[in-house]
Amino acid sequence: MNTYFGLLAEFDGRAELPLEEVAPRYFGISPRTASVRAGAQALPVPAYRAGDSQKAPWLVSAVDLAKYLDERRAEAHEMWKLVNS
């Protein structure tokens, strides 16, 4: 299954994902920590606010998150091959 489509299914078809939902599951950090890191652009994927307000929620693109997850999986697969061959 394509990672992007899996994310779309998980997040009810939304292509732009709220960071507060993504952070605990995929980055292992709290939404508060993720928000601070988003402000510093210190997350493994770009984060942005759709509005100009400081109260607008941080979002990440499902495309960017899928690419990041695919890259991590490829790294893990290469490491697994090194250890198990």
PDB file of N, CA and C in Angstrom:
ATOM      1  N   MET A   1       0.844  -1.181   0.000  1.00  0.00           N
ATOM      2  CA  MET A   1       0.000   0.000   0.000  1.00  0.00           C
ATOM      3  C   MET A   1       0.887   1.241   0.000  1.00  0.00           C
ATOM      4  N   ASN A   2       0.479   2.218  -0.721  1.00  0.00           N
ATOM      5  CA  ASN A   2       1.191   3.473  -0.793  1.00  0.00           C
ATOM      6  C   ASN A   2       1.028   4.225   0.529  1.00  0.00           C
ATOM      7  N   THR A   3       2.111   4.724   1.066  1.00  0.00           N
ATOM      8  CA  THR A   3       2.085   5.409   2.362  1.00  0.00           C
ATOM      9  C   THR A   3       1.165   6.628   2.333  1.00  0.00           C
ATOM     10  N   TYR A   4       1.212   7.377   1.262  1.00  0.00           N
ATOM     11  CA  TYR A   4       0.368   8.565   1.155  1.00  0.00           C
ATOM     12  C   TYR A   4      -1.111   8.195   1.273  1.00  0.00           C
ATOM     13  N   PHE A   5      -1.524   7.173   0.545  1.00  0.00           N
ATOM     14  CA  PHE A   5      -2.928   6.781   0.598  1.00  0.00           C
ATOM     15  C   PHE A   5      -3.301   6.201   1.959  1.00  0.00           C
ATOM     16  N   GLY A   6      -2.353   5.542   2.600  1.00  0.00           N
ATOM     17  CA  GLY A   6      -2.593   5.072   3.963  1.00  0.00           C
ATOM     18  C   GLY A   6      -2.830   6.229   4.917  1.00  0.00           C
ATOM     19  N   LEU A   7      -2.053   7.300   4.767  1.00  0.00           N
ATOM     20  CA  LEU A   7      -2.254   8.487   5.599  1.00  0.00           C
ATOM     21  C   LEU A   7      -3.602   9.143   5.304  1.00  0.00           C
ATOM     22  N   LEU A   8      -3.963   9.208   4.032  1.00  0.00           N
ATOM     23  CA  LEU A   8      -5.267   9.774   3.687  1.00  0.00           C
ATOM     24  C   LEU A   8      -6.383   8.982   4.350  1.00  0.00           C
ATOM     25  N   ALA A   9      -6.270   7.669   4.336  1.00  0.00           N
ATOM     26  CA  ALA A   9      -7.289   6.830   4.972  1.00  0.00           C
ATOM     27  C   ALA A   9      -7.308   7.058   6.479  1.00  0.00           C
ATOM     28  N   GLU A  10      -6.132   7.141   7.086  1.00  0.00           N
ATOM     29  CA  GLU A  10      -6.051   7.331   8.538  1.00  0.00           C
ATOM     30  C   GLU A  10      -6.635   8.669   8.976  1.00  0.00           C
ATOM     31  N   PHE A  11      -6.415   9.697   8.171  1.00  0.00           N
ATOM     32  CA  PHE A  11      -6.841  11.045   8.538  1.00  0.00           C
ATOM     33  C   PHE A  11      -8.085  11.485   7.760  1.00  0.00           C
ATOM     34  N   ASP A  12      -8.945  10.544   7.437  1.00  0.00           N
ATOM     35  CA  ASP A  12     -10.247  10.831   6.826  1.00  0.00           C
ATOM     36  C   ASP A  12     -10.158  11.648   5.540  1.00  0.00           C
ATOM     37  N   GLY A  13      -9.176  11.367   4.725  1.00  0.00           N
ATOM     38  CA  GLY A  13      -9.059  12.015   3.424  1.00  0.00           C
ATOM     39  C   GLY A  13      -8.418  13.384   3.443  1.00  0.00           C
ATOM     40  N   ARG A  14      -7.992  13.839   4.606  1.00  0.00           N
ATOM     41  CA  ARG A  14      -7.368  15.170   4.684  1.00  0.00           C
ATOM     42  C   ARG A  14      -5.939  15.097   4.161  1.00  0.00           C
ATOM     43  N   ALA A  15      -5.586  16.012   3.274  1.00  0.00           N
ATOM     44  CA  ALA A  15      -4.233  16.046   2.726  1.00  0.00           C
ATOM     45  C   ALA A  15      -3.308  16.919   3.573  1.00  0.00           C
ATOM     46  N   GLU A  16      -3.892  17.824   4.332  1.00  0.00           N
ATOM     47  CA  GLU A  16      -3.131  18.677   5.247  1.00  0.00           C
ATOM     48  C   GLU A  16      -3.500  18.238   6.655  1.00  0.00           C
ATOM     49  N   LEU A  17      -2.503  17.818   7.412  1.00  0.00           N
ATOM     50  CA  LEU A  17      -2.753  17.150   8.691  1.00  0.00           C
ATOM     51  C   LEU A  17      -2.405  18.047   9.870  1.00  0.00           C
ATOM     52  N   PRO A  18      -3.252  18.099  10.881  1.00  0.00           N
ATOM     53  CA  PRO A  18      -2.939  18.880  12.080  1.00  0.00           C
ATOM     54  C   PRO A  18      -1.726  18.293  12.804  1.00  0.00           C
ATOM     55  N   LEU A  19      -0.772  19.139  13.080  1.00  0.00           N
ATOM     56  CA  LEU A  19       0.449  18.700  13.748  1.00  0.00           C
ATOM     57  C   LEU A  19       0.141  18.050  15.094  1.00  0.00           C
ATOM     58  N   GLU A  20      -0.865  18.538  15.796  1.00  0.00           N
ATOM     59  CA  GLU A  20      -1.195  17.985  17.115  1.00  0.00           C
ATOM     60  C   GLU A  20      -1.626  16.521  17.021  1.00  0.00           C
ATOM     61  N   GLU A  21      -2.125  16.084  15.868  1.00  0.00           N
ATOM     62  CA  GLU A  21      -2.493  14.678  15.686  1.00  0.00           C
ATOM     63  C   GLU A  21      -1.321  13.844  15.175  1.00  0.00           C
ATOM     64  N   VAL A  22      -0.453  14.463  14.413  1.00  0.00           N
ATOM     65  CA  VAL A  22       0.675  13.761  13.798  1.00  0.00           C
ATOM     66  C   VAL A  22       1.822  13.554  14.783  1.00  0.00           C
ATOM     67  N   ALA A  23       2.113  14.565  15.577  1.00  0.00           N
ATOM     68  CA  ALA A  23       3.308  14.565  16.429  1.00  0.00           C
ATOM     69  C   ALA A  23       3.423  13.376  17.380  1.00  0.00           C
ATOM     70  N   PRO A  24       2.404  13.071  18.164  1.00  0.00           N
ATOM     71  CA  PRO A  24       2.572  11.944  19.097  1.00  0.00           C
ATOM     72  C   PRO A  24       2.751  10.605  18.376  1.00  0.00           C
ATOM     73  N   ARG A  25       2.009  10.418  17.310  1.00  0.00           N
ATOM     74  CA  ARG A  25       2.027   9.126  16.620  1.00  0.00           C
ATOM     75  C   ARG A  25       3.290   8.906  15.789  1.00  0.00           C
ATOM     76  N   TYR A  26       3.718   9.915  15.060  1.00  0.00           N
ATOM     77  CA  TYR A  26       4.813   9.727  14.112  1.00  0.00           C
ATOM     78  C   TYR A  26       6.150  10.316  14.551  1.00  0.00           C
ATOM     79  N   PHE A  27       6.135  11.281  15.449  1.00  0.00           N
ATOM     80  CA  PHE A  27       7.388  11.880  15.903  1.00  0.00           C
ATOM     81  C   PHE A  27       7.709  11.548  17.353  1.00  0.00           C
ATOM     82  N   GLY A  28       6.749  10.959  18.070  1.00  0.00           N
ATOM     83  CA  GLY A  28       6.976  10.575  19.452  1.00  0.00           C
ATOM     84  C   GLY A  28       7.162  11.750  20.395  1.00  0.00           C
ATOM     85  N   ILE A  29       6.533  12.860  20.083  1.00  0.00           N
ATOM     86  CA  ILE A  29       6.633  14.046  20.940  1.00  0.00           C
ATOM     87  C   ILE A  29       5.224  14.585  21.204  1.00  0.00           C
ATOM     88  N   SER A  30       5.110  15.376  22.245  1.00  0.00           N
ATOM     89  CA  SER A  30       3.809  15.940  22.598  1.00  0.00           C
ATOM     90  C   SER A  30       3.430  17.036  21.599  1.00  0.00           C
ATOM     91  N   PRO A  31       2.150  17.329  21.494  1.00  0.00           N
ATOM     92  CA  PRO A  31       1.737  18.430  20.624  1.00  0.00           C
ATOM     93  C   PRO A  31       2.386  19.768  21.014  1.00  0.00           C
ATOM     94  N   ARG A  32       2.565  19.988  22.305  1.00  0.00           N
ATOM     95  CA  ARG A  32       3.198  21.237  22.753  1.00  0.00           C
ATOM     96  C   ARG A  32       4.646  21.331  22.274  1.00  0.00           C
ATOM     97  N   THR A  33       5.402  20.248  22.453  1.00  0.00           N
ATOM     98  CA  THR A  33       6.790  20.220  21.978  1.00  0.00           C
ATOM     99  C   THR A  33       6.831  20.375  20.464  1.00  0.00           C
ATOM    100  N   ALA A  34       5.911  19.718  19.772  1.00  0.00           N
ATOM    101  CA  ALA A  34       5.858  19.813  18.318  1.00  0.00           C
ATOM    102  C   ALA A  34       5.595  21.249  17.870  1.00  0.00           C
ATOM    103  N   SER A  35       4.719  21.949  18.589  1.00  0.00           N
ATOM    104  CA  SER A  35       4.410  23.331  18.245  1.00  0.00           C
ATOM    105  C   SER A  35       5.642  24.226  18.389  1.00  0.00           C
ATOM    106  N   VAL A  36       6.389  24.019  19.464  1.00  0.00           N
ATOM    107  CA  VAL A  36       7.618  24.798  19.666  1.00  0.00           C
ATOM    108  C   VAL A  36       8.615  24.500  18.550  1.00  0.00           C
ATOM    109  N   ARG A  37       8.784  23.230  18.233  1.00  0.00           N
ATOM    110  CA  ARG A  37       9.717  22.843  17.166  1.00  0.00           C
ATOM    111  C   ARG A  37       9.242  23.337  15.803  1.00  0.00           C
ATOM    112  N   ALA A  38       7.937  23.350  15.589  1.00  0.00           N
ATOM    113  CA  ALA A  38       7.407  23.851  14.316  1.00  0.00           C
ATOM    114  C   ALA A  38       7.761  25.323  14.135  1.00  0.00           C
ATOM    115  N   GLY A  39       7.654  26.090  15.222  1.00  0.00           N
ATOM    116  CA  GLY A  39       8.007  27.504  15.161  1.00  0.00           C
ATOM    117  C   GLY A  39       9.458  27.726  14.794  1.00  0.00           C
ATOM    118  N   ALA A  40      10.308  26.783  15.166  1.00  0.00           N
ATOM    119  CA  ALA A  40      11.739  26.864  14.846  1.00  0.00           C
ATOM    120  C   ALA A  40      12.080  26.081  13.573  1.00  0.00           C
ATOM    121  N   GLN A  41      11.066  25.528  12.929  1.00  0.00           N
ATOM    122  CA  GLN A  41      11.253  24.651  11.763  1.00  0.00           C
ATOM    123  C   GLN A  41      12.268  23.545  12.074  1.00  0.00           C
ATOM    124  N   ALA A  42      12.093  22.918  13.235  1.00  0.00           N
ATOM    125  CA  ALA A  42      13.000  21.871  13.702  1.00  0.00           C
ATOM    126  C   ALA A  42      12.316  20.504  13.741  1.00  0.00           C
ATOM    127  N   LEU A  43      11.346  20.295  12.873  1.00  0.00           N
ATOM    128  CA  LEU A  43      10.702  18.993  12.749  1.00  0.00           C
ATOM    129  C   LEU A  43      11.267  18.287  11.520  1.00  0.00           C
ATOM    130  N   PRO A  44      11.072  16.988  11.407  1.00  0.00           N
ATOM    131  CA  PRO A  44      11.613  16.281  10.243  1.00  0.00           C
ATOM    132  C   PRO A  44      10.851  16.557   8.941  1.00  0.00           C
ATOM    133  N   VAL A  45       9.724  17.262   9.022  1.00  0.00           N
ATOM    134  CA  VAL A  45       8.970  17.683   7.840  1.00  0.00           C
ATOM    135  C   VAL A  45       8.595  19.150   8.015  1.00  0.00           C
ATOM    136  N   PRO A  46       8.367  19.864   6.924  1.00  0.00           N
ATOM    137  CA  PRO A  46       7.958  21.265   7.049  1.00  0.00           C
ATOM    138  C   PRO A  46       6.593  21.389   7.718  1.00  0.00           C
ATOM    139  N   ALA A  47       6.445  22.393   8.555  1.00  0.00           N
ATOM    140  CA  ALA A  47       5.170  22.695   9.199  1.00  0.00           C
ATOM    141  C   ALA A  47       4.830  24.154   8.894  1.00  0.00           C
ATOM    142  N   TYR A  48       3.542  24.429   8.793  1.00  0.00           N
ATOM    143  CA  TYR A  48       3.118  25.783   8.454  1.00  0.00           C
ATOM    144  C   TYR A  48       1.742  26.049   9.043  1.00  0.00           C
ATOM    145  N   ARG A  49       1.402  27.311   9.100  1.00  0.00           N
ATOM    146  CA  ARG A  49       0.075  27.735   9.526  1.00  0.00           C
ATOM    147  C   ARG A  49      -0.671  28.192   8.266  1.00  0.00           C
ATOM    148  N   ALA A  50      -1.896  27.747   8.103  1.00  0.00           N
ATOM    149  CA  ALA A  50      -2.674  28.121   6.926  1.00  0.00           C
ATOM    150  C   ALA A  50      -3.121  29.580   6.998  1.00  0.00           C
ATOM    151  N   GLY A  51      -3.274  30.097   8.199  1.00  0.00           N
ATOM    152  CA  GLY A  51      -3.674  31.490   8.376  1.00  0.00           C
ATOM    153  C   GLY A  51      -2.536  32.329   8.918  1.00  0.00           C
ATOM    154  N   ASP A  52      -2.762  33.616   8.967  1.00  0.00           N
ATOM    155  CA  ASP A  52      -1.744  34.546   9.467  1.00  0.00           C
ATOM    156  C   ASP A  52      -1.756  34.668  10.982  1.00  0.00           C
ATOM    157  N   SER A  53      -2.762  34.124  11.623  1.00  0.00           N
ATOM    158  CA  SER A  53      -2.913  34.245  13.065  1.00  0.00           C
ATOM    159  C   SER A  53      -1.983  33.288  13.808  1.00  0.00           C
ATOM    160  N   GLN A  54      -1.492  33.740  14.957  1.00  0.00           N
ATOM    161  CA  GLN A  54      -0.686  32.873  15.818  1.00  0.00           C
ATOM    162  C   GLN A  54      -1.533  31.737  16.396  1.00  0.00           C
ATOM    163  N   LYS A  55      -2.843  31.900  16.358  1.00  0.00           N
ATOM    164  CA  LYS A  55      -3.747  30.870  16.873  1.00  0.00           C
ATOM    165  C   LYS A  55      -4.107  29.824  15.826  1.00  0.00           C
ATOM    166  N   ALA A  56      -3.726  30.069  14.584  1.00  0.00           N
ATOM    167  CA  ALA A  56      -3.994  29.082  13.534  1.00  0.00           C
ATOM    168  C   ALA A  56      -3.189  27.821  13.835  1.00  0.00           C
ATOM    169  N   PRO A  57      -3.778  26.659  13.640  1.00  0.00           N
ATOM    170  CA  PRO A  57      -3.061  25.424  13.961  1.00  0.00           C
ATOM    171  C   PRO A  57      -1.917  25.153  12.986  1.00  0.00           C
ATOM    172  N   TRP A  58      -0.898  24.500  13.502  1.00  0.00           N
ATOM    173  CA  TRP A  58       0.203  24.054  12.648  1.00  0.00           C
ATOM    174  C   TRP A  58      -0.276  22.862  11.830  1.00  0.00           C
ATOM    175  N   LEU A  59       0.119  22.832  10.577  1.00  0.00           N
ATOM    176  CA  LEU A  59      -0.237  21.749   9.673  1.00  0.00           C
ATOM    177  C   LEU A  59       1.011  21.152   9.039  1.00  0.00           C
ATOM    178  N   VAL A  60       0.913  19.900   8.637  1.00  0.00           N
ATOM    179  CA  VAL A  60       1.949  19.263   7.824  1.00  0.00           C
ATOM    180  C   VAL A  60       1.253  18.610   6.636  1.00  0.00           C
ATOM    181  N   SER A  61       1.942  18.537   5.545  1.00  0.00           N
ATOM    182  CA  SER A  61       1.395  17.931   4.341  1.00  0.00           C
ATOM    183  C   SER A  61       1.495  16.411   4.424  1.00  0.00           C
ATOM    184  N   ALA A  62       0.434  15.735   4.025  1.00  0.00           N
ATOM    185  CA  ALA A  62       0.465  14.269   3.977  1.00  0.00           C
ATOM    186  C   ALA A  62       1.525  13.795   2.997  1.00  0.00           C
ATOM    187  N   VAL A  63       1.769  14.555   1.942  1.00  0.00           N
ATOM    188  CA  VAL A  63       2.800  14.195   0.962  1.00  0.00           C
ATOM    189  C   VAL A  63       4.175  14.213   1.632  1.00  0.00           C
ATOM    190  N   ASP A  64       4.461  15.282   2.382  1.00  0.00           N
ATOM    191  CA  ASP A  64       5.758  15.393   3.064  1.00  0.00           C
ATOM    192  C   ASP A  64       5.920  14.312   4.124  1.00  0.00           C
ATOM    193  N   LEU A  65       4.861  14.055   4.882  1.00  0.00           N
ATOM    194  CA  LEU A  65       4.938  13.029   5.919  1.00  0.00           C
ATOM    195  C   LEU A  65       5.130  11.650   5.302  1.00  0.00           C
ATOM    196  N   ALA A  66       4.433  11.359   4.222  1.00  0.00           N
ATOM    197  CA  ALA A  66       4.584  10.065   3.557  1.00  0.00           C
ATOM    198  C   ALA A  66       6.006   9.885   3.035  1.00  0.00           C
ATOM    199  N   LYS A  67       6.562  10.928   2.444  1.00  0.00           N
ATOM    200  CA  LYS A  67       7.942  10.860   1.943  1.00  0.00           C
ATOM    201  C   LYS A  67       8.914  10.594   3.092  1.00  0.00           C
ATOM    202  N   TYR A  68       8.729  11.305   4.194  1.00  0.00           N
ATOM    203  CA  TYR A  68       9.573  11.113   5.377  1.00  0.00           C
ATOM    204  C   TYR A  68       9.475   9.671   5.889  1.00  0.00           C
ATOM    205  N   LEU A  69       8.261   9.142   6.002  1.00  0.00           N
ATOM    206  CA  LEU A  69       8.073   7.777   6.497  1.00  0.00           C
ATOM    207  C   LEU A  69       8.686   6.760   5.544  1.00  0.00           C
ATOM    208  N   ASP A  70       8.536   6.979   4.248  1.00  0.00           N
ATOM    209  CA  ASP A  70       9.135   6.073   3.267  1.00  0.00           C
ATOM    210  C   ASP A  70      10.661   6.079   3.353  1.00  0.00           C
ATOM    211  N   GLU A  71      11.237   7.254   3.569  1.00  0.00           N
ATOM    212  CA  GLU A  71      12.696   7.356   3.717  1.00  0.00           C
ATOM    213  C   GLU A  71      13.171   6.633   4.969  1.00  0.00           C
ATOM    214  N   ARG A  72      12.443   6.803   6.064  1.00  0.00           N
ATOM    215  CA  ARG A  72      12.810   6.122   7.315  1.00  0.00           C
ATOM    216  C   ARG A  72      12.716   4.608   7.158  1.00  0.00           C
ATOM    217  N   ARG A  73      11.670   4.151   6.473  1.00  0.00           N
ATOM    218  CA  ARG A  73      11.503   2.720   6.233  1.00  0.00           C
ATOM    219  C   ARG A  73      12.663   2.189   5.387  1.00  0.00           C
ATOM    220  N   ALA A  74      13.057   2.920   4.361  1.00  0.00           N
ATOM    221  CA  ALA A  74      14.166   2.497   3.504  1.00  0.00           C
ATOM    222  C   ALA A  74      15.470   2.412   4.308  1.00  0.00           C
ATOM    223  N   GLU A  75      15.693   3.384   5.189  1.00  0.00           N
ATOM    224  CA  GLU A  75      16.884   3.352   6.052  1.00  0.00           C
ATOM    225  C   GLU A  75      16.857   2.128   6.958  1.00  0.00           C
ATOM    226  N   ALA A  76      15.720   1.856   7.542  1.00  0.00           N
ATOM    227  CA  ALA A  76      15.594   0.697   8.430  1.00  0.00           C
ATOM    228  C   ALA A  76      15.792  -0.597   7.659  1.00  0.00           C
ATOM    229  N   HIS A  77      15.287  -0.646   6.437  1.00  0.00           N
ATOM    230  CA  HIS A  77      15.435  -1.851   5.624  1.00  0.00           C
ATOM    231  C   HIS A  77      16.901  -2.092   5.277  1.00  0.00           C
ATOM    232  N   GLU A  78      17.617  -1.033   4.942  1.00  0.00           N
ATOM    233  CA  GLU A  78      19.052  -1.167   4.646  1.00  0.00           C
ATOM    234  C   GLU A  78      19.822  -1.644   5.873  1.00  0.00           C
ATOM    235  N   MET A  79      19.511  -1.083   7.030  1.00  0.00           N
ATOM    236  CA  MET A  79      20.171  -1.503   8.268  1.00  0.00           C
ATOM    237  C   MET A  79      19.850  -2.958   8.573  1.00  0.00           C
ATOM    238  N   TRP A  80      18.609  -3.369   8.373  1.00  0.00           N
ATOM    239  CA  TRP A  80      18.200  -4.744   8.607  1.00  0.00           C
ATOM    240  C   TRP A  80      18.976  -5.689   7.685  1.00  0.00           C
ATOM    241  N   LYS A  81      19.141  -5.292   6.422  1.00  0.00           N
ATOM    242  CA  LYS A  81      19.878  -6.124   5.464  1.00  0.00           C
ATOM    243  C   LYS A  81      21.337  -6.260   5.886  1.00  0.00           C
ATOM    244  N   LEU A  82      21.943  -5.210   6.398  1.00  0.00           N
ATOM    245  CA  LEU A  82      23.328  -5.276   6.850  1.00  0.00           C
ATOM    246  C   LEU A  82      23.489  -6.235   8.028  1.00  0.00           C
ATOM    247  N   VAL A  83      22.557  -6.180   8.932  1.00  0.00           N
ATOM    248  CA  VAL A  83      22.634  -7.016  10.129  1.00  0.00           C
ATOM    249  C   VAL A  83      22.288  -8.475   9.831  1.00  0.00           C
ATOM    250  N   ASN A  84      21.379  -8.694   8.896  1.00  0.00           N
ATOM    251  CA  ASN A  84      20.869 -10.040   8.656  1.00  0.00           C
ATOM    252  C   ASN A  84      21.394 -10.708   7.395  1.00  0.00           C
ATOM    253  N   SER A  85      22.501 -10.238   6.866  1.00  0.00           N
ATOM    254  CA  SER A  85      23.043 -10.910   5.678  1.00  0.00           C
ATOM    255  C   SER A  85      24.434 -11.438   5.924  1.00  0.00           C
TER     256      SER A  85
END
